[in-house]
Amino acid sequence: MTDPRQRLDKWLWHARVAKTRTAAAELVTSGYVRINGNRAQQAAKLVALGDIVTIALSRRVLVLEVLGFSERRGPFAEASKLYRAIDPDGVTPDG
């Protein structure tokens, strides 16, 4: 991939946060996603390496640092390399 950015809905889908790209776009347009603390209003918003994406799901909040991009939606092992999970309190699970 040549561009160091990717559409938010596509990134959420590739990272397996949402089951479909349409569901990822609905998360964004419904106001459940923030990038670096700012509410993302469009699914076409671009995310860059190092961005912090916060997603409010029904039972938990995910805070993910963008580490990479993918051309396709692959298996979980591949998808998990696209981000680093951060504890919502600001502490990484590793310590």
C-alpha atoms as a PDB file:
ATOM      1  CA  MET A   1       0.000   0.000   0.000  1.00  0.00           C
ATOM      2  CA  THR A   2       1.532   3.329  -1.033  1.00  0.00           C
ATOM      3  CA  ASP A   3      -0.656   5.841   0.848  1.00  0.00           C
ATOM      4  CA  PRO A   4       0.121   5.917   4.602  1.00  0.00           C
ATOM      5  CA  ARG A   5      -3.605   6.463   5.272  1.00  0.00           C
ATOM      6  CA  GLN A   6      -6.818   4.496   4.811  1.00  0.00           C
ATOM      7  CA  ARG A   7     -10.559   5.159   5.008  1.00  0.00           C
ATOM      8  CA  LEU A   8     -11.837   4.678   8.546  1.00  0.00           C
ATOM      9  CA  ASP A   9     -14.656   2.302   7.600  1.00  0.00           C
ATOM     10  CA  LYS A  10     -12.289   0.139   5.584  1.00  0.00           C
ATOM     11  CA  TRP A  11      -9.708   0.069   8.381  1.00  0.00           C
ATOM     12  CA  LEU A  12     -12.344  -0.911  10.982  1.00  0.00           C
ATOM     13  CA  TRP A  13     -13.516  -3.720   8.711  1.00  0.00           C
ATOM     14  CA  HIS A  14      -9.995  -4.970   7.943  1.00  0.00           C
ATOM     15  CA  ALA A  15      -9.093  -4.834  11.663  1.00  0.00           C
ATOM     16  CA  ARG A  16     -12.182  -7.000  12.329  1.00  0.00           C
ATOM     17  CA  VAL A  17     -13.859  -4.454  14.592  1.00  0.00           C
ATOM     18  CA  ALA A  18     -16.993  -4.757  12.426  1.00  0.00           C
ATOM     19  CA  LYS A  19     -18.309  -7.800  10.550  1.00  0.00           C
ATOM     20  CA  THR A  20     -19.078  -5.838   7.375  1.00  0.00           C
ATOM     21  CA  ARG A  21     -17.883  -2.614   5.843  1.00  0.00           C
ATOM     22  CA  THR A  22     -21.454  -1.321   5.977  1.00  0.00           C
ATOM     23  CA  ALA A  23     -21.564  -2.024   9.735  1.00  0.00           C
ATOM     24  CA  ALA A  24     -18.240  -0.201  10.117  1.00  0.00           C
ATOM     25  CA  ALA A  25     -19.634   2.820   8.254  1.00  0.00           C
ATOM     26  CA  GLU A  26     -22.744   2.775  10.472  1.00  0.00           C
ATOM     27  CA  LEU A  27     -20.563   2.798  13.615  1.00  0.00           C
ATOM     28  CA  VAL A  28     -18.870   5.927  12.318  1.00  0.00           C
ATOM     29  CA  THR A  29     -21.968   7.792  11.106  1.00  0.00           C
ATOM     30  CA  SER A  30     -23.832   6.951  14.327  1.00  0.00           C
ATOM     31  CA  GLY A  31     -21.167   8.755  16.352  1.00  0.00           C
ATOM     32  CA  TYR A  32     -19.557   5.764  18.069  1.00  0.00           C
ATOM     33  CA  VAL A  33     -16.028   6.339  16.701  1.00  0.00           C
ATOM     34  CA  ARG A  34     -13.433   8.958  17.583  1.00  0.00           C
ATOM     35  CA  ILE A  35     -10.029   9.606  16.043  1.00  0.00           C
ATOM     36  CA  ASN A  36      -7.508  11.219  18.366  1.00  0.00           C
ATOM     37  CA  GLY A  37     -10.363  12.329  20.627  1.00  0.00           C
ATOM     38  CA  ASN A  38     -12.435  13.942  17.866  1.00  0.00           C
ATOM     39  CA  ARG A  39     -15.717  12.399  16.761  1.00  0.00           C
ATOM     40  CA  ALA A  40     -15.462  10.979  13.252  1.00  0.00           C
ATOM     41  CA  GLN A  41     -18.511  12.070  11.262  1.00  0.00           C
ATOM     42  CA  GLN A  42     -17.790  10.447   7.913  1.00  0.00           C
ATOM     43  CA  ALA A  43     -16.876   6.858   7.073  1.00  0.00           C
ATOM     44  CA  ALA A  44     -14.489   8.248   4.442  1.00  0.00           C
ATOM     45  CA  LYS A  45     -12.369  10.022   7.104  1.00  0.00           C
ATOM     46  CA  LEU A  46      -8.745   8.954   6.678  1.00  0.00           C
ATOM     47  CA  VAL A  47      -6.771   7.374   9.512  1.00  0.00           C
ATOM     48  CA  ALA A  48      -2.981   7.517   9.609  1.00  0.00           C
ATOM     49  CA  LEU A  49      -0.299   5.507  11.362  1.00  0.00           C
ATOM     50  CA  GLY A  50      -0.195   6.372  15.049  1.00  0.00           C
ATOM     51  CA  ASP A  51      -3.793   7.626  15.219  1.00  0.00           C
ATOM     52  CA  ILE A  52      -5.784   6.582  18.276  1.00  0.00           C
ATOM     53  CA  VAL A  53      -9.205   5.211  17.328  1.00  0.00           C
ATOM     54  CA  THR A  54     -11.798   4.914  20.112  1.00  0.00           C
ATOM     55  CA  ILE A  55     -14.885   2.802  19.437  1.00  0.00           C
ATOM     56  CA  ALA A  56     -17.866   2.676  21.804  1.00  0.00           C
ATOM     57  CA  LEU A  57     -19.428  -0.758  21.442  1.00  0.00           C
ATOM     58  CA  SER A  58     -22.524  -1.992  23.260  1.00  0.00           C
ATOM     59  CA  ARG A  59     -20.657  -3.599  26.170  1.00  0.00           C
ATOM     60  CA  ARG A  60     -17.165  -2.093  26.062  1.00  0.00           C
ATOM     61  CA  VAL A  61     -14.968   0.655  24.713  1.00  0.00           C
ATOM     62  CA  LEU A  62     -12.058  -0.201  22.431  1.00  0.00           C
ATOM     63  CA  VAL A  63      -9.076   2.114  22.228  1.00  0.00           C
ATOM     64  CA  LEU A  64      -6.768   1.142  19.376  1.00  0.00           C
ATOM     65  CA  GLU A  65      -3.554   2.646  18.024  1.00  0.00           C
ATOM     66  CA  VAL A  66      -3.282   2.316  14.243  1.00  0.00           C
ATOM     67  CA  LEU A  67      -0.106   0.355  13.426  1.00  0.00           C
ATOM     68  CA  GLY A  68      -0.748  -0.561   9.808  1.00  0.00           C
ATOM     69  CA  PHE A  69      -3.088  -1.060   6.902  1.00  0.00           C
ATOM     70  CA  SER A  70      -4.174  -3.948   4.729  1.00  0.00           C
ATOM     71  CA  GLU A  71      -5.379  -4.306   1.173  1.00  0.00           C
ATOM     72  CA  ARG A  72      -7.875  -6.996   2.165  1.00  0.00           C
ATOM     73  CA  ARG A  73      -9.721  -8.390   5.152  1.00  0.00           C
ATOM     74  CA  GLY A  74      -7.708 -11.342   6.333  1.00  0.00           C
ATOM     75  CA  PRO A  75      -7.783 -13.758   9.262  1.00  0.00           C
ATOM     76  CA  PHE A  76      -7.656 -12.543  12.866  1.00  0.00           C
ATOM     77  CA  ALA A  77      -3.891 -13.105  13.144  1.00  0.00           C
ATOM     78  CA  GLU A  78      -3.330 -10.771  10.198  1.00  0.00           C
ATOM     79  CA  ALA A  79      -5.923  -8.235  11.368  1.00  0.00           C
ATOM     80  CA  SER A  80      -4.455  -8.004  14.871  1.00  0.00           C
ATOM     81  CA  LYS A  81      -1.201  -6.655  13.394  1.00  0.00           C
ATOM     82  CA  LEU A  82      -3.058  -3.524  12.235  1.00  0.00           C
ATOM     83  CA  TYR A  83      -3.498  -2.138  15.757  1.00  0.00           C
ATOM     84  CA  ARG A  84      -2.337  -2.115  19.360  1.00  0.00           C
ATOM     85  CA  ALA A  85      -5.040  -2.247  22.023  1.00  0.00           C
ATOM     86  CA  ILE A  86      -4.785   0.401  24.722  1.00  0.00           C
ATOM     87  CA  ASP A  87      -6.599   0.269  28.036  1.00  0.00           C
ATOM     88  CA  PRO A  88      -9.298   3.009  28.101  1.00  0.00           C
ATOM     89  CA  ASP A  89      -7.635   4.362  31.243  1.00  0.00           C
ATOM     90  CA  GLY A  90      -4.477   5.005  29.233  1.00  0.00           C
ATOM     91  CA  VAL A  91      -2.500   2.012  30.483  1.00  0.00           C
ATOM     92  CA  THR A  92      -1.479  -0.720  28.058  1.00  0.00           C
ATOM     93  CA  PRO A  93      -2.344  -4.282  29.131  1.00  0.00           C
ATOM     94  CA  ASP A  94       1.375  -5.137  29.139  1.00  0.00           C
ATOM     95  CA  GLY A  95       2.064  -2.779  32.017  1.00  0.00           C
END
